[in-house]
């Protein structure tokens, strides 16, 4: 009887414990379902700090990538191996040309000569030539050697500034001045016109005329002195304002010039320039 009472009490206590546990579970589920456990202070992401952190990561990545890129050091292109040539972007044919050239006991001594021998493209040459390193004596020799310019023509009316500069003593200023005066004349018709170039020494002019000739005289469009305007006559490179005025006064006096040679009758007419003036003037 005593055992039954004790067992009964134990079962009752166990049932109460289970009931309490179930109740606790239900309460916790309700709280979890309806309670807000989020806090802005703990979970809010600072976007500025995140961006700053991302920038640092990207910077470190770039540094790491840069470290992986093999550094290029100056080298003598005469000793390029197959492996080195392929790394530089050369084809096997281009490398073979270099090796064949070297077997003749010759050396390339400049970037241009390297391209001539190997036939690499301009793009490849521009990429690798800054790293070429030739012996000091080769570099010094190339600095002291000046390639002589070969003029493209012997016609003084077609000569470029560079052609004229091939003559010792003719620089950029003088060559450009000669070209500009030639334009004003519409071409040299007489060799002596070269002496008219401002500040061109006669001795230098003679050197030019030794190398350049008047192959073809310029074909000039002449102005009719009897019908031309004042401005039209004044455009003549050998006629100034005063002379133009005298020509028009004479034309008004005679009504019409019968011959261009009548210009010589004008008082004060520069007879020494007559042949040049009538290059651009006529009387019809």
Protein backbone atom coordinates (compact mmCIF):
# COMPACT_ATOMS: atom_id res chain seq x y z
CA UNK A 1 0.00 0.00 0.00
CA UNK A 2 2.86 2.26 0.94
CA UNK A 3 4.57 1.41 -2.39
CA UNK A 4 1.45 2.31 -4.35
CA UNK A 5 1.22 5.71 -2.69
CA UNK A 6 4.85 6.40 -3.40
CA UNK A 7 4.52 5.34 -7.04
CA UNK A 8 1.43 7.44 -7.45
CA UNK A 9 3.21 10.48 -6.08
CA UNK A 10 6.14 9.90 -8.39
CA UNK A 11 3.91 9.65 -11.48
CA UNK A 12 2.11 12.80 -10.51
CA UNK A 13 5.35 14.68 -10.08
CA UNK A 14 6.60 13.41 -13.44
CA UNK A 15 3.42 14.50 -15.17
CA UNK A 16 3.72 17.95 -13.61
CA UNK A 17 7.32 18.23 -14.86
CA UNK A 18 6.33 17.23 -18.39
CA UNK A 19 3.43 19.66 -18.35
CA UNK A 20 5.74 22.47 -17.19
CA UNK A 21 8.28 21.63 -19.90
CA UNK A 22 5.60 21.68 -22.61
CA UNK A 23 4.32 25.00 -21.31
CA UNK A 24 7.83 26.46 -21.38
CA UNK A 25 8.32 25.28 -24.96
CA UNK A 26 5.03 26.87 -26.03
CA UNK A 27 5.92 30.18 -24.34
CA UNK A 28 9.37 30.27 -25.99
CA UNK A 29 7.86 29.58 -29.41
CA UNK A 30 5.36 32.41 -28.97
CA UNK A 31 8.11 34.79 -27.88
CA UNK A 32 10.33 33.76 -30.81
CA UNK A 33 7.47 34.19 -33.25
CA UNK A 34 6.41 37.64 -32.17
CA UNK A 35 9.48 39.23 -30.56
CA UNK A 36 11.88 41.44 -32.68
CA UNK A 37 15.44 40.48 -31.86
CA UNK A 38 17.05 42.67 -34.58
CA UNK A 39 19.04 45.74 -33.56
CA UNK A 40 20.04 48.43 -36.06
CA UNK A 41 23.13 49.25 -34.06
CA UNK A 42 24.65 45.80 -34.43
CA UNK A 43 23.57 44.79 -37.95
CA UNK A 44 23.66 48.09 -39.90
CA UNK A 45 26.43 48.04 -42.48
CA UNK A 46 28.53 51.19 -42.83
CA UNK A 47 28.73 51.59 -46.63
CA UNK A 48 31.59 54.14 -46.47
CA UNK A 49 33.74 51.83 -44.42
CA UNK A 50 32.83 48.94 -46.74
CA UNK A 51 33.86 50.93 -49.83
CA UNK A 52 37.11 51.96 -48.17
CA UNK A 53 37.81 48.36 -47.26
CA UNK A 54 37.03 47.27 -50.85
CA UNK A 55 39.42 49.91 -52.24
CA UNK A 56 42.20 48.57 -50.02
CA UNK A 57 41.49 45.02 -51.19
CA UNK A 58 41.56 46.10 -54.86
CA UNK A 59 44.83 47.95 -54.29
CA UNK A 60 46.41 44.89 -52.73
CA UNK A 61 45.18 42.78 -55.65
CA UNK A 62 46.78 45.15 -58.17
CA UNK A 63 50.07 45.09 -56.28
CA UNK A 64 50.00 41.31 -56.24
CA UNK A 65 49.25 41.12 -59.98
CA UNK A 66 52.05 43.60 -60.70
CA UNK A 67 54.46 41.40 -58.76
CA UNK A 68 53.51 38.43 -60.90
CA UNK A 69 54.37 40.26 -64.17
CA UNK A 70 57.98 39.45 -65.04
CA UNK A 71 60.20 42.54 -65.10
CA UNK A 72 62.03 43.43 -68.29
CA UNK A 73 65.70 44.28 -68.06
CA UNK A 74 67.96 45.80 -70.75
CA UNK A 75 69.51 43.17 -73.00
CA UNK A 76 71.69 42.88 -76.08
CA UNK A 77 69.37 41.77 -78.92
CA UNK A 78 72.23 39.92 -80.61
CA UNK A 79 71.92 37.14 -78.02
CA UNK A 80 68.17 36.51 -78.12
CA UNK A 81 67.37 32.82 -77.66
CA UNK A 82 64.32 31.01 -79.03
CA UNK A 83 62.66 31.13 -75.61
CA UNK A 84 63.48 34.83 -75.09
CA UNK A 85 62.33 35.73 -78.60
CA UNK A 86 58.97 34.02 -78.13
CA UNK A 87 58.52 35.83 -74.82
CA UNK A 88 59.16 39.12 -76.61
CA UNK A 89 56.48 38.38 -79.21
CA UNK A 90 58.76 37.41 -82.09
CA UNK A 91 57.90 34.58 -84.46
CA UNK A 92 60.19 31.58 -84.96
CA UNK A 93 60.97 32.79 -88.49
CA UNK A 94 62.07 36.18 -87.18
CA UNK A 95 64.26 34.55 -84.53
CA UNK A 96 65.78 32.22 -87.15
CA UNK A 97 66.68 35.21 -89.35
CA UNK A 98 68.57 36.76 -86.43
CA UNK A 99 70.43 33.52 -85.71
CA UNK A 100 71.32 33.10 -89.39
CA UNK A 101 72.67 36.65 -89.47
CA UNK A 102 74.74 36.03 -86.32
CA UNK A 103 76.27 32.89 -87.86
CA UNK A 104 77.93 35.18 -90.43
CA UNK A 105 79.92 36.68 -87.50
CA UNK A 106 77.98 39.94 -87.78
CA UNK A 107 76.15 41.95 -85.14
CA UNK A 108 73.09 44.20 -85.25
CA UNK A 109 74.06 47.60 -83.83
CA UNK A 110 70.77 49.48 -83.86
CA UNK A 111 67.03 48.95 -83.59
CA UNK A 112 66.61 49.72 -87.30
CA UNK A 113 69.24 47.16 -88.24
CA UNK A 114 67.54 44.63 -85.97
CA UNK A 115 64.25 45.18 -87.82
CA UNK A 116 65.98 44.98 -91.20
CA UNK A 117 67.54 41.62 -90.30
CA UNK A 118 64.61 40.00 -88.49
CA UNK A 119 61.79 41.76 -90.37
CA UNK A 120 59.78 42.22 -87.17
CA UNK A 121 56.77 44.52 -87.39
CA UNK A 122 56.87 48.14 -86.23
CA UNK A 123 54.54 47.20 -83.37
CA UNK A 124 56.90 44.52 -82.04
CA UNK A 125 59.93 46.76 -82.52
CA UNK A 126 58.31 49.65 -80.63
CA UNK A 127 57.51 47.24 -77.81
CA UNK A 128 60.96 45.68 -77.34
CA UNK A 129 63.50 48.19 -78.70
CA UNK A 130 63.40 50.44 -75.58
CA UNK A 131 65.08 47.53 -73.75
CA UNK A 132 67.89 47.08 -76.29
CA UNK A 133 71.31 47.62 -74.78
CA UNK A 134 74.28 47.82 -77.12
CA UNK A 135 77.94 48.06 -76.09
CA UNK A 136 79.08 51.56 -75.13
CA UNK A 137 81.35 51.91 -78.16
CA UNK A 138 78.44 51.14 -80.51
CA UNK A 139 76.20 53.72 -78.83
CA UNK A 140 78.93 56.34 -78.98
CA UNK A 141 79.58 55.61 -82.65
CA UNK A 142 75.92 56.00 -83.57
CA UNK A 143 75.76 59.33 -81.76
CA UNK A 144 78.72 60.75 -83.67
CA UNK A 145 77.72 59.51 -87.13
CA UNK A 146 75.47 61.96 -88.95
CA UNK A 147 73.60 60.59 -91.93
CA UNK A 148 73.98 62.86 -94.91
CA UNK A 149 70.67 63.98 -96.35
CA UNK A 150 70.18 63.34 -100.05
CA UNK A 151 68.10 66.00 -101.82
CA UNK A 152 64.98 64.77 -103.59
CA UNK A 153 65.41 67.07 -106.60
CA UNK A 154 67.89 69.40 -108.31
CA UNK A 155 65.13 71.78 -109.46
CA UNK A 156 65.29 74.91 -107.31
CA UNK A 157 61.57 75.48 -107.96
CA UNK A 158 60.70 72.08 -106.47
CA UNK A 159 63.22 71.94 -103.65
CA UNK A 160 61.83 71.41 -100.13
CA UNK A 161 63.21 73.15 -97.02
CA UNK A 162 65.00 69.87 -96.17
CA UNK A 163 66.56 69.80 -99.65
CA UNK A 164 67.90 73.32 -99.20
CA UNK A 165 69.16 72.48 -95.71
CA UNK A 166 71.42 69.83 -97.24
CA UNK A 167 73.72 72.73 -98.11
CA UNK A 168 76.09 73.74 -95.32
CA UNK A 169 75.07 77.09 -93.86
CA UNK A 170 71.37 76.79 -94.79
CA UNK A 171 69.22 76.21 -91.72
CA UNK A 172 65.49 76.16 -91.02
CA UNK A 173 65.11 79.96 -91.07
CA UNK A 174 66.92 80.59 -94.35
CA UNK A 175 65.39 77.61 -96.14
CA UNK A 176 61.89 78.72 -95.15
CA UNK A 177 62.66 82.29 -96.23
CA UNK A 178 63.77 81.05 -99.67
CA UNK A 179 60.59 78.99 -100.04
CA UNK A 180 58.39 81.93 -99.06
CA UNK A 181 60.11 84.26 -101.54
CA UNK A 182 59.74 81.63 -104.25
CA UNK A 183 56.00 81.53 -103.51
CA UNK A 184 55.79 85.29 -103.78
CA UNK A 185 57.47 85.19 -107.20
CA UNK A 186 55.39 82.14 -108.19
CA UNK A 187 58.67 80.45 -109.00
CA UNK A 188 62.23 81.50 -109.87
CA UNK A 189 62.57 82.51 -113.52
CA UNK A 190 66.14 83.82 -113.25
CA UNK A 191 69.00 82.42 -111.15
CA UNK A 192 69.82 85.94 -110.01
CA UNK A 193 66.42 86.16 -108.27
CA UNK A 194 67.89 84.02 -105.52
CA UNK A 195 70.13 86.95 -104.59
CA UNK A 196 67.00 88.94 -103.75
CA UNK A 197 66.12 86.73 -100.77
CA UNK A 198 66.42 88.85 -97.65
CA UNK A 199 69.63 88.22 -95.69
CA UNK A 200 70.73 85.38 -97.94
CA UNK A 201 74.47 85.75 -98.37
CA UNK A 202 75.61 85.84 -102.00
CA UNK A 203 78.14 83.09 -101.33
CA UNK A 204 75.40 80.83 -99.93
CA UNK A 205 73.17 81.68 -102.90
CA UNK A 206 76.01 80.59 -105.20
CA UNK A 207 76.30 77.28 -103.33
CA UNK A 208 72.56 76.72 -103.84
CA UNK A 209 72.89 77.45 -107.54
CA UNK A 210 75.76 74.97 -107.81
CA UNK A 211 73.51 72.20 -106.56
CA UNK A 212 70.09 73.34 -107.81
CA UNK A 213 69.10 74.55 -111.26
CA UNK A 214 66.06 76.15 -112.90
CA UNK A 215 64.88 73.12 -114.82
CA UNK A 216 61.55 74.56 -115.90
CA UNK A 217 60.67 78.23 -115.72
CA UNK A 218 57.33 78.98 -114.04
CA UNK A 219 54.33 79.62 -116.26
CA UNK A 220 53.05 82.99 -115.09
CA UNK A 221 49.68 84.59 -115.81
CA UNK A 222 50.32 88.12 -117.04
CA UNK A 223 48.19 91.14 -116.19
CA UNK A 224 47.12 93.49 -119.00
CA UNK A 225 48.43 96.90 -117.96
CA UNK A 226 45.77 98.65 -120.08
CA UNK A 227 42.78 97.04 -118.36
CA UNK A 228 44.14 96.04 -114.96
CA UNK A 229 43.03 97.60 -111.69
CA UNK A 230 45.45 99.48 -109.49
CA UNK A 231 45.48 96.55 -107.09
CA UNK A 232 46.11 94.11 -109.95
CA UNK A 233 49.24 95.94 -111.08
CA UNK A 234 50.39 96.44 -107.49
CA UNK A 235 50.32 92.66 -106.98
CA UNK A 236 53.45 92.48 -109.14
CA UNK A 237 56.27 91.58 -106.69
CA UNK A 238 58.57 94.19 -108.28
CA UNK A 239 56.14 97.10 -108.31
CA UNK A 240 55.66 99.27 -105.22
CA UNK A 241 52.94 101.87 -104.61
CA UNK A 242 54.86 104.81 -106.08
CA UNK A 243 55.77 102.97 -109.27
CA UNK A 244 52.22 101.70 -109.67
CA UNK A 245 50.94 105.25 -109.36
CA UNK A 246 53.36 106.44 -112.07
CA UNK A 247 52.24 103.62 -114.40
CA UNK A 248 48.58 104.62 -114.03
CA UNK A 249 49.37 108.31 -114.53
CA UNK A 250 51.21 107.41 -117.74
CA UNK A 251 48.33 105.20 -118.86
CA UNK A 252 45.88 108.05 -118.32
CA UNK A 253 48.16 110.32 -120.31
CA UNK A 254 48.54 108.06 -123.36
CA UNK A 255 45.11 106.45 -123.03
CA UNK A 256 46.58 103.06 -123.91
CA UNK A 257 50.05 101.51 -124.05
CA UNK A 258 50.76 100.15 -127.51
CA UNK A 259 53.68 98.08 -126.28
CA UNK A 260 54.87 96.96 -122.86
CA UNK A 261 58.22 98.55 -123.68
CA UNK A 262 56.57 101.94 -123.23
CA UNK A 263 57.03 101.42 -119.50
CA UNK A 264 60.66 102.40 -120.00
CA UNK A 265 59.49 105.90 -120.97
CA UNK A 266 58.04 106.48 -117.50
CA UNK A 267 60.16 108.88 -115.49
CA UNK A 268 61.95 107.03 -112.68
CA UNK A 269 61.09 103.57 -114.01
CA UNK A 270 63.64 100.99 -112.63
CA UNK A 271 65.20 99.74 -115.87
CA UNK A 272 67.23 97.14 -113.96
CA UNK A 273 63.96 95.44 -112.95
CA UNK A 274 62.28 95.68 -116.35
CA UNK A 275 62.86 92.01 -117.30
CA UNK A 276 61.40 90.88 -113.98
CA UNK A 277 58.42 93.26 -114.10
CA UNK A 278 57.29 92.14 -117.53
CA UNK A 279 57.23 88.54 -116.33
CA UNK A 280 53.87 89.49 -114.81
CA UNK A 281 52.77 92.38 -117.04
CA UNK A 282 51.79 92.83 -120.68
CA UNK A 283 50.12 95.42 -122.95
CA UNK A 284 47.34 94.38 -125.29
